[in-house]
C-alpha atoms as a PDB file:
ATOM      1  CA  MET A   1      -3.868 -47.957 -30.726  1.00  0.00           C
ATOM      2  CA  ARG A   2      -2.560 -46.296 -33.865  1.00  0.00           C
ATOM      3  CA  ALA A   3      -3.775 -42.885 -34.967  1.00  0.00           C
ATOM      4  CA  VAL A   4      -6.673 -42.545 -37.392  1.00  0.00           C
ATOM      5  CA  ALA A   5      -5.254 -41.007 -40.547  1.00  0.00           C
ATOM      6  CA  ARG A   6      -7.538 -38.637 -42.448  1.00  0.00           C
ATOM      7  CA  ARG A   7      -7.907 -39.040 -46.195  1.00  0.00           C
ATOM      8  CA  ALA A   8      -9.264 -36.210 -48.300  1.00  0.00           C
ATOM      9  CA  GLN A   9     -12.018 -38.386 -49.755  1.00  0.00           C
ATOM     10  CA  ASP A  10     -13.361 -39.495 -46.372  1.00  0.00           C
ATOM     11  CA  PHE A  11     -16.765 -38.622 -45.060  1.00  0.00           C
ATOM     12  CA  VAL A  12     -15.885 -36.668 -41.922  1.00  0.00           C
ATOM     13  CA  LEU A  13     -17.749 -37.119 -38.662  1.00  0.00           C
ATOM     14  CA  GLY A  14     -17.769 -34.797 -35.693  1.00  0.00           C
ATOM     15  CA  VAL A  15     -18.812 -36.551 -32.501  1.00  0.00           C
ATOM     16  CA  LEU A  16     -20.237 -34.712 -29.476  1.00  0.00           C
ATOM     17  CA  VAL A  17     -19.907 -36.502 -26.144  1.00  0.00           C
ATOM     18  CA  SER A  18     -20.383 -35.941 -22.431  1.00  0.00           C
ATOM     19  CA  GLY A  19     -19.934 -39.323 -20.775  1.00  0.00           C
ATOM     20  CA  SER A  20     -18.236 -42.695 -21.032  1.00  0.00           C
ATOM     21  CA  GLY A  21     -18.193 -42.839 -24.820  1.00  0.00           C
ATOM     22  CA  THR A  22     -19.183 -46.427 -25.519  1.00  0.00           C
ATOM     23  CA  ASN A  23     -21.031 -45.408 -28.684  1.00  0.00           C
ATOM     24  CA  LEU A  24     -18.026 -43.335 -29.716  1.00  0.00           C
ATOM     25  CA  GLN A  25     -15.892 -46.447 -29.227  1.00  0.00           C
ATOM     26  CA  ALA A  26     -18.272 -48.427 -31.426  1.00  0.00           C
ATOM     27  CA  VAL A  27     -17.849 -45.837 -34.178  1.00  0.00           C
ATOM     28  CA  ILE A  28     -14.054 -45.852 -33.769  1.00  0.00           C
ATOM     29  CA  ASP A  29     -13.999 -49.653 -33.967  1.00  0.00           C
ATOM     30  CA  ALA A  30     -16.196 -49.606 -37.065  1.00  0.00           C
ATOM     31  CA  VAL A  31     -13.827 -47.158 -38.764  1.00  0.00           C
ATOM     32  CA  TYR A  32     -10.801 -49.337 -37.937  1.00  0.00           C
ATOM     33  CA  SER A  33     -12.490 -52.501 -39.162  1.00  0.00           C
ATOM     34  CA  GLY A  34     -13.618 -50.928 -42.432  1.00  0.00           C
ATOM     35  CA  ARG A  35     -17.308 -51.356 -41.667  1.00  0.00           C
ATOM     36  CA  LEU A  36     -17.615 -47.565 -41.610  1.00  0.00           C
ATOM     37  CA  ARG A  37     -15.797 -45.771 -44.403  1.00  0.00           C
ATOM     38  CA  ALA A  38     -15.422 -42.425 -42.696  1.00  0.00           C
ATOM     39  CA  THR A  39     -13.039 -40.378 -40.598  1.00  0.00           C
ATOM     40  CA  ILE A  40     -13.732 -38.950 -37.167  1.00  0.00           C
ATOM     41  CA  GLY A  41     -12.451 -35.426 -37.634  1.00  0.00           C
ATOM     42  CA  VAL A  42     -12.973 -34.215 -34.083  1.00  0.00           C
ATOM     43  CA  VAL A  43     -14.509 -35.301 -30.796  1.00  0.00           C
ATOM     44  CA  ILE A  44     -15.959 -32.427 -28.773  1.00  0.00           C
ATOM     45  CA  SER A  45     -17.019 -32.658 -25.133  1.00  0.00           C
ATOM     46  CA  ASN A  46     -18.532 -30.168 -22.722  1.00  0.00           C
ATOM     47  CA  VAL A  47     -17.035 -32.212 -19.847  1.00  0.00           C
ATOM     48  CA  ALA A  48     -13.255 -32.118 -19.515  1.00  0.00           C
ATOM     49  CA  THR A  49     -13.163 -35.355 -17.506  1.00  0.00           C
ATOM     50  CA  SER A  50     -15.323 -37.330 -19.943  1.00  0.00           C
ATOM     51  CA  LYS A  51     -13.971 -40.834 -20.479  1.00  0.00           C
ATOM     52  CA  ALA A  52     -14.998 -40.477 -24.114  1.00  0.00           C
ATOM     53  CA  LEU A  53     -12.135 -38.021 -24.558  1.00  0.00           C
ATOM     54  CA  ASP A  54      -9.688 -40.674 -23.346  1.00  0.00           C
ATOM     55  CA  ARG A  55     -11.087 -43.096 -25.926  1.00  0.00           C
ATOM     56  CA  ALA A  56     -10.631 -40.533 -28.698  1.00  0.00           C
ATOM     57  CA  ARG A  57      -7.085 -39.639 -27.634  1.00  0.00           C
ATOM     58  CA  ALA A  58      -6.131 -43.307 -27.498  1.00  0.00           C
ATOM     59  CA  ALA A  59      -7.240 -43.578 -31.117  1.00  0.00           C
ATOM     60  CA  GLY A  60      -5.263 -40.528 -32.169  1.00  0.00           C
ATOM     61  CA  ILE A  61      -8.370 -38.420 -32.801  1.00  0.00           C
ATOM     62  CA  LEU A  62      -8.395 -34.678 -32.229  1.00  0.00           C
ATOM     63  CA  THR A  63     -10.291 -33.735 -29.067  1.00  0.00           C
ATOM     64  CA  VAL A  64     -11.708 -30.367 -28.051  1.00  0.00           C
ATOM     65  CA  VAL A  65     -13.241 -29.380 -24.704  1.00  0.00           C
ATOM     66  CA  ILE A  66     -15.837 -26.617 -24.818  1.00  0.00           C
ATOM     67  CA  ASP A  67     -17.193 -25.984 -21.336  1.00  0.00           C
ATOM     68  CA  HIS A  68     -20.828 -24.937 -21.574  1.00  0.00           C
ATOM     69  CA  LYS A  69     -20.522 -23.131 -18.243  1.00  0.00           C
ATOM     70  CA  ALA A  70     -18.179 -20.611 -19.882  1.00  0.00           C
ATOM     71  CA  TYR A  71     -20.929 -19.332 -22.200  1.00  0.00           C
ATOM     72  CA  PRO A  72     -23.857 -17.063 -21.346  1.00  0.00           C
ATOM     73  CA  SER A  73     -26.439 -19.055 -23.298  1.00  0.00           C
ATOM     74  CA  ARG A  74     -27.044 -22.347 -25.075  1.00  0.00           C
ATOM     75  CA  GLU A  75     -26.865 -20.486 -28.364  1.00  0.00           C
ATOM     76  CA  ALA A  76     -23.445 -19.036 -27.585  1.00  0.00           C
ATOM     77  CA  PHE A  77     -22.181 -22.481 -26.613  1.00  0.00           C
ATOM     78  CA  ASP A  78     -23.540 -24.019 -29.801  1.00  0.00           C
ATOM     79  CA  ALA A  79     -21.885 -21.275 -31.851  1.00  0.00           C
ATOM     80  CA  ALA A  80     -18.526 -22.282 -30.379  1.00  0.00           C
ATOM     81  CA  VAL A  81     -19.253 -25.927 -31.184  1.00  0.00           C
ATOM     82  CA  VAL A  82     -20.187 -25.044 -34.763  1.00  0.00           C
ATOM     83  CA  GLU A  83     -16.930 -23.109 -35.181  1.00  0.00           C
ATOM     84  CA  SER A  84     -14.919 -26.165 -34.133  1.00  0.00           C
ATOM     85  CA  LEU A  85     -16.934 -28.534 -36.318  1.00  0.00           C
ATOM     86  CA  ARG A  86     -16.585 -26.340 -39.377  1.00  0.00           C
ATOM     87  CA  GLY A  87     -12.914 -25.796 -38.660  1.00  0.00           C
ATOM     88  CA  ASN A  88     -12.428 -29.549 -38.914  1.00  0.00           C
ATOM     89  CA  CYS A  89     -14.402 -29.967 -42.169  1.00  0.00           C
ATOM     90  CA  VAL A  90     -17.141 -32.042 -40.553  1.00  0.00           C
ATOM     91  CA  ASP A  91     -19.822 -33.454 -42.850  1.00  0.00           C
ATOM     92  CA  CYS A  92     -22.093 -35.046 -40.249  1.00  0.00           C
ATOM     93  CA  VAL A  93     -22.515 -34.434 -36.511  1.00  0.00           C
ATOM     94  CA  VAL A  94     -23.078 -37.418 -34.213  1.00  0.00           C
ATOM     95  CA  LEU A  95     -24.507 -37.044 -30.717  1.00  0.00           C
ATOM     96  CA  ALA A  96     -23.071 -39.964 -28.749  1.00  0.00           C
ATOM     97  CA  GLY A  97     -24.140 -39.482 -25.166  1.00  0.00           C
ATOM     98  CA  PHE A  98     -24.095 -35.700 -25.476  1.00  0.00           C
ATOM     99  CA  MET A  99     -26.103 -34.391 -22.529  1.00  0.00           C
ATOM    100  CA  ARG A 100     -27.041 -31.010 -23.913  1.00  0.00           C
ATOM    101  CA  LEU A 101     -30.120 -29.748 -25.719  1.00  0.00           C
ATOM    102  CA  ILE A 102     -29.289 -28.618 -29.239  1.00  0.00           C
ATOM    103  CA  THR A 103     -30.374 -25.174 -30.410  1.00  0.00           C
ATOM    104  CA  PRO A 104     -31.165 -23.943 -33.939  1.00  0.00           C
ATOM    105  CA  VAL A 105     -27.658 -22.441 -34.054  1.00  0.00           C
ATOM    106  CA  LEU A 106     -26.226 -25.947 -34.501  1.00  0.00           C
ATOM    107  CA  LEU A 107     -29.178 -27.418 -36.379  1.00  0.00           C
ATOM    108  CA  ASP A 108     -29.189 -24.629 -38.974  1.00  0.00           C
ATOM    109  CA  ALA A 109     -25.423 -24.938 -39.457  1.00  0.00           C
ATOM    110  CA  PHE A 110     -25.794 -28.665 -40.257  1.00  0.00           C
ATOM    111  CA  PRO A 111     -29.311 -29.119 -41.669  1.00  0.00           C
ATOM    112  CA  HIS A 112     -30.395 -32.776 -41.674  1.00  0.00           C
ATOM    113  CA  ARG A 113     -26.829 -33.652 -40.644  1.00  0.00           C
ATOM    114  CA  VAL A 114     -27.141 -34.075 -36.881  1.00  0.00           C
ATOM    115  CA  VAL A 115     -27.696 -37.686 -35.818  1.00  0.00           C
ATOM    116  CA  ASN A 116     -28.624 -39.041 -32.388  1.00  0.00           C
ATOM    117  CA  ILE A 117     -29.051 -42.494 -30.897  1.00  0.00           C
ATOM    118  CA  HIS A 118     -31.679 -42.977 -28.205  1.00  0.00           C
ATOM    119  CA  PRO A 119     -32.172 -46.058 -25.973  1.00  0.00           C
ATOM    120  CA  ALA A 120     -35.856 -46.628 -26.739  1.00  0.00           C
ATOM    121  CA  LEU A 121     -38.143 -47.276 -29.675  1.00  0.00           C
ATOM    122  CA  LEU A 122     -39.164 -43.703 -30.386  1.00  0.00           C
ATOM    123  CA  PRO A 123     -41.637 -42.103 -30.253  1.00  0.00           C
ATOM    124  CA  ALA A 124     -42.007 -44.131 -27.039  1.00  0.00           C
ATOM    125  CA  PHE A 125     -40.016 -43.007 -23.988  1.00  0.00           C
ATOM    126  CA  PRO A 126     -38.228 -39.872 -25.186  1.00  0.00           C
ATOM    127  CA  GLY A 127     -35.908 -37.876 -22.967  1.00  0.00           C
ATOM    128  CA  VAL A 128     -33.864 -39.115 -20.039  1.00  0.00           C
ATOM    129  CA  GLN A 129     -34.125 -42.447 -18.198  1.00  0.00           C
ATOM    130  CA  ALA A 130     -35.689 -44.228 -21.153  1.00  0.00           C
ATOM    131  CA  GLN A 131     -34.934 -47.640 -19.657  1.00  0.00           C
ATOM    132  CA  ALA A 132     -36.682 -46.726 -16.411  1.00  0.00           C
ATOM    133  CA  GLN A 133     -39.646 -45.441 -18.394  1.00  0.00           C
ATOM    134  CA  ALA A 134     -39.881 -48.723 -20.294  1.00  0.00           C
ATOM    135  CA  LEU A 135     -39.749 -50.793 -17.097  1.00  0.00           C
ATOM    136  CA  ALA A 136     -42.324 -48.602 -15.362  1.00  0.00           C
ATOM    137  CA  TYR A 137     -44.704 -48.877 -18.299  1.00  0.00           C
ATOM    138  CA  GLY A 138     -44.336 -52.660 -18.418  1.00  0.00           C
ATOM    139  CA  VAL A 139     -43.490 -53.058 -22.099  1.00  0.00           C
ATOM    140  CA  ARG A 140     -42.193 -56.444 -23.198  1.00  0.00           C
ATOM    141  CA  VAL A 141     -40.067 -55.049 -26.036  1.00  0.00           C
ATOM    142  CA  THR A 142     -37.930 -51.925 -26.176  1.00  0.00           C
ATOM    143  CA  GLY A 143     -34.754 -51.102 -28.097  1.00  0.00           C
ATOM    144  CA  CYS A 144     -32.910 -48.170 -29.650  1.00  0.00           C
ATOM    145  CA  THR A 145     -33.475 -45.596 -32.360  1.00  0.00           C
ATOM    146  CA  VAL A 146     -31.121 -43.673 -34.619  1.00  0.00           C
ATOM    147  CA  HIS A 147     -32.766 -40.463 -35.785  1.00  0.00           C
ATOM    148  CA  LEU A 148     -32.057 -37.077 -37.247  1.00  0.00           C
ATOM    149  CA  VAL A 149     -32.192 -34.318 -34.668  1.00  0.00           C
ATOM    150  CA  ASP A 150     -34.722 -31.503 -34.873  1.00  0.00           C
ATOM    151  CA  ALA A 151     -35.760 -28.796 -32.448  1.00  0.00           C
ATOM    152  CA  GLY A 152     -37.905 -31.163 -30.361  1.00  0.00           C
ATOM    153  CA  MET A 153     -37.003 -33.705 -27.696  1.00  0.00           C
ATOM    154  CA  ASP A 154     -36.156 -36.902 -29.620  1.00  0.00           C
ATOM    155  CA  THR A 155     -38.752 -36.036 -32.262  1.00  0.00           C
ATOM    156  CA  GLY A 156     -36.667 -35.988 -35.441  1.00  0.00           C
ATOM    157  CA  PRO A 157     -37.186 -38.347 -38.396  1.00  0.00           C
ATOM    158  CA  ILE A 158     -36.371 -41.962 -37.548  1.00  0.00           C
ATOM    159  CA  LEU A 159     -33.613 -43.587 -39.607  1.00  0.00           C
ATOM    160  CA  ALA A 160     -33.486 -47.068 -38.057  1.00  0.00           C
ATOM    161  CA  GLN A 161     -34.464 -49.040 -34.973  1.00  0.00           C
ATOM    162  CA  ALA A 162     -33.412 -52.280 -33.278  1.00  0.00           C
ATOM    163  CA  THR A 163     -35.505 -54.195 -30.772  1.00  0.00           C
ATOM    164  CA  VAL A 164     -34.510 -55.665 -27.410  1.00  0.00           C
ATOM    165  CA  PRO A 165     -36.797 -57.895 -25.287  1.00  0.00           C
ATOM    166  CA  VAL A 166     -37.528 -56.861 -21.724  1.00  0.00           C
ATOM    167  CA  LEU A 167     -36.841 -59.932 -19.590  1.00  0.00           C
ATOM    168  CA  ASP A 168     -38.374 -60.952 -16.293  1.00  0.00           C
ATOM    169  CA  GLY A 169     -36.115 -59.662 -13.566  1.00  0.00           C
ATOM    170  CA  ASP A 170     -34.617 -56.877 -15.669  1.00  0.00           C
ATOM    171  CA  ASP A 171     -33.569 -53.700 -13.905  1.00  0.00           C
ATOM    172  CA  GLU A 172     -32.313 -50.480 -15.450  1.00  0.00           C
ATOM    173  CA  ASP A 173     -28.709 -51.674 -15.545  1.00  0.00           C
ATOM    174  CA  THR A 174     -29.323 -55.050 -17.191  1.00  0.00           C
ATOM    175  CA  LEU A 175     -31.713 -53.554 -19.720  1.00  0.00           C
ATOM    176  CA  ARG A 176     -29.310 -50.705 -20.470  1.00  0.00           C
ATOM    177  CA  GLU A 177     -26.450 -53.118 -21.175  1.00  0.00           C
ATOM    178  CA  ARG A 178     -28.489 -55.190 -23.638  1.00  0.00           C
ATOM    179  CA  ILE A 179     -29.733 -52.098 -25.419  1.00  0.00           C
ATOM    180  CA  LEU A 180     -26.155 -50.810 -25.685  1.00  0.00           C
ATOM    181  CA  VAL A 181     -25.166 -53.937 -27.624  1.00  0.00           C
ATOM    182  CA  LYS A 182     -27.750 -53.013 -30.264  1.00  0.00           C
ATOM    183  CA  GLU A 183     -26.769 -49.339 -30.194  1.00  0.00           C
ATOM    184  CA  HIS A 184     -23.169 -50.254 -30.958  1.00  0.00           C
ATOM    185  CA  GLU A 185     -24.305 -52.232 -34.007  1.00  0.00           C
ATOM    186  CA  LEU A 186     -26.923 -49.825 -35.308  1.00  0.00           C
ATOM    187  CA  LEU A 187     -25.185 -46.450 -35.097  1.00  0.00           C
ATOM    188  CA  PRO A 188     -22.159 -47.252 -37.324  1.00  0.00           C
ATOM    189  CA  ALA A 189     -24.428 -48.985 -39.856  1.00  0.00           C
ATOM    190  CA  VAL A 190     -26.680 -45.938 -40.191  1.00  0.00           C
ATOM    191  CA  LEU A 191     -23.703 -43.601 -40.430  1.00  0.00           C
ATOM    192  CA  GLN A 192     -22.484 -45.665 -43.375  1.00  0.00           C
ATOM    193  CA  TRP A 193     -25.890 -45.243 -45.046  1.00  0.00           C
ATOM    194  CA  ILE A 194     -25.481 -41.485 -44.682  1.00  0.00           C
ATOM    195  CA  ALA A 195     -21.904 -41.571 -45.974  1.00  0.00           C
ATOM    196  CA  ASP A 196     -23.109 -43.565 -48.996  1.00  0.00           C
ATOM    197  CA  GLY A 197     -25.815 -40.998 -49.794  1.00  0.00           C
ATOM    198  CA  ARG A 198     -28.613 -43.483 -49.145  1.00  0.00           C
ATOM    199  CA  VAL A 199     -30.573 -41.238 -46.764  1.00  0.00           C
ATOM    200  CA  GLU A 200     -32.953 -38.780 -48.407  1.00  0.00           C
ATOM    201  CA  VAL A 201     -34.914 -36.241 -46.374  1.00  0.00           C
ATOM    202  CA  VAL A 202     -38.359 -35.546 -47.820  1.00  0.00           C
ATOM    203  CA  PRO A 203     -39.891 -32.296 -46.569  1.00  0.00           C
ATOM    204  CA  ALA A 204     -43.496 -32.390 -45.443  1.00  0.00           C
ATOM    205  CA  PRO A 205     -45.825 -31.109 -48.182  1.00  0.00           C
ATOM    206  CA  SER A 206     -47.210 -27.646 -47.620  1.00  0.00           C
ATOM    207  CA  GLY A 207     -50.490 -27.776 -45.743  1.00  0.00           C
ATOM    208  CA  ALA A 208     -50.050 -31.450 -44.827  1.00  0.00           C
ATOM    209  CA  ALA A 209     -50.597 -30.939 -41.116  1.00  0.00           C
ATOM    210  CA  GLY A 210     -53.962 -30.354 -39.595  1.00  0.00           C
ATOM    211  CA  GLY A 211     -54.754 -28.276 -36.546  1.00  0.00           C
ATOM    212  CA  THR A 212     -51.781 -26.880 -34.659  1.00  0.00           C
ATOM    213  CA  LYS A 213     -49.464 -29.872 -35.051  1.00  0.00           C
ATOM    214  CA  ALA A 214     -46.607 -29.065 -37.401  1.00  0.00           C
ATOM    215  CA  ALA A 215     -45.946 -31.361 -40.332  1.00  0.00           C
ATOM    216  CA  ARG A 216     -42.608 -33.148 -40.122  1.00  0.00           C
ATOM    217  CA  PRO A 217     -40.227 -34.265 -42.841  1.00  0.00           C
ATOM    218  CA  THR A 218     -39.777 -37.964 -43.489  1.00  0.00           C
ATOM    219  CA  VAL A 219     -36.802 -39.972 -44.683  1.00  0.00           C
ATOM    220  CA  ARG A 220     -36.288 -42.519 -47.409  1.00  0.00           C
ATOM    221  CA  ILE A 221     -33.512 -45.091 -47.192  1.00  0.00           C
ATOM    222  CA  HIS A 222     -32.371 -46.010 -50.683  1.00  0.00           C
ATOM    223  CA  ALA A 223     -30.926 -49.356 -51.639  1.00  0.00           C
ATOM    224  CA  HIS A 224     -27.144 -49.386 -51.895  1.00  0.00           C
ATOM    225  CA  GLY A 225     -26.047 -47.678 -55.083  1.00  0.00           C
ATOM    226  CA  SER A 226     -29.511 -46.339 -55.957  1.00  0.00           C
ATOM    227  CA  ALA A 227     -28.855 -42.772 -54.821  1.00  0.00           C
ATOM    228  CA  PRO A 228     -25.882 -40.553 -55.720  1.00  0.00           C
ATOM    229  CA  PRO A 229     -23.431 -39.816 -52.916  1.00  0.00           C
ATOM    230  CA  PRO A 230     -23.997 -36.440 -51.285  1.00  0.00           C
ATOM    231  CA  PRO A 231     -21.659 -33.560 -52.135  1.00  0.00           C
ATOM    232  CA  ARG A 232     -19.008 -32.851 -49.527  1.00  0.00           C
ATOM    233  CA  ASN A 233     -20.432 -31.153 -46.423  1.00  0.00           C
ATOM    234  CA  ALA A 234     -23.972 -31.851 -47.627  1.00  0.00           C
ATOM    235  CA  GLY A 235     -24.983 -34.845 -45.494  1.00  0.00           C
ATOM    236  CA  PRO A 236     -28.359 -36.471 -46.270  1.00  0.00           C
ATOM    237  CA  THR A 237     -29.892 -35.106 -49.441  1.00  0.00           C
ATOM    238  CA  ALA A 238     -33.055 -33.026 -49.235  1.00  0.00           C
ATOM    239  CA  ARG A 239     -35.566 -32.513 -51.972  1.00  0.00           C
END
């Protein structure tokens, strides 16, 4: 596979991975096909043996291994990740099977610019083993969600979702594979929305929340061409 050449005008993605990298591969394929007008500036993994790194190297993408075990805290690890992301002029951070909790060190460095994909229709079944949760609960429809990351567990503003039926006889593996098909379609599409400046983050109005529950920002997805593209290194716009 030929190397991905970076152009100065590209929207630059930094992808964080820990595992097999199928969603990373979907993003790489979308870039090659022209469906995603962006560049993957760097792929960072906390696992040196991650297959996702092999996928990135095969595509000629810069890879960096940052072993979380070498750092005294999650914050120190995230600071090292931020240094690498900034050093490679990343505009938007993509969590693609990254099995680490994100701290405010990373979130504050890239406000409203950290994107995750989760194999369930959030807010249902957050966290790990979402497919098992769906099967145990007996839902007839599940799917995947692309959302902005906040300090909670899969609680950030939802950008898009795709549904997948739960079939009789499904187990975790069969359900996971069908959800992955939708993940591979949805993630590159949403990243293109962000690159086009179509995603606007609307902060919660002051005093909007009642009781002890904190108010959360929402997002608006503008029609193509109806919102100006974000400035470089700005990601989704915020009012």
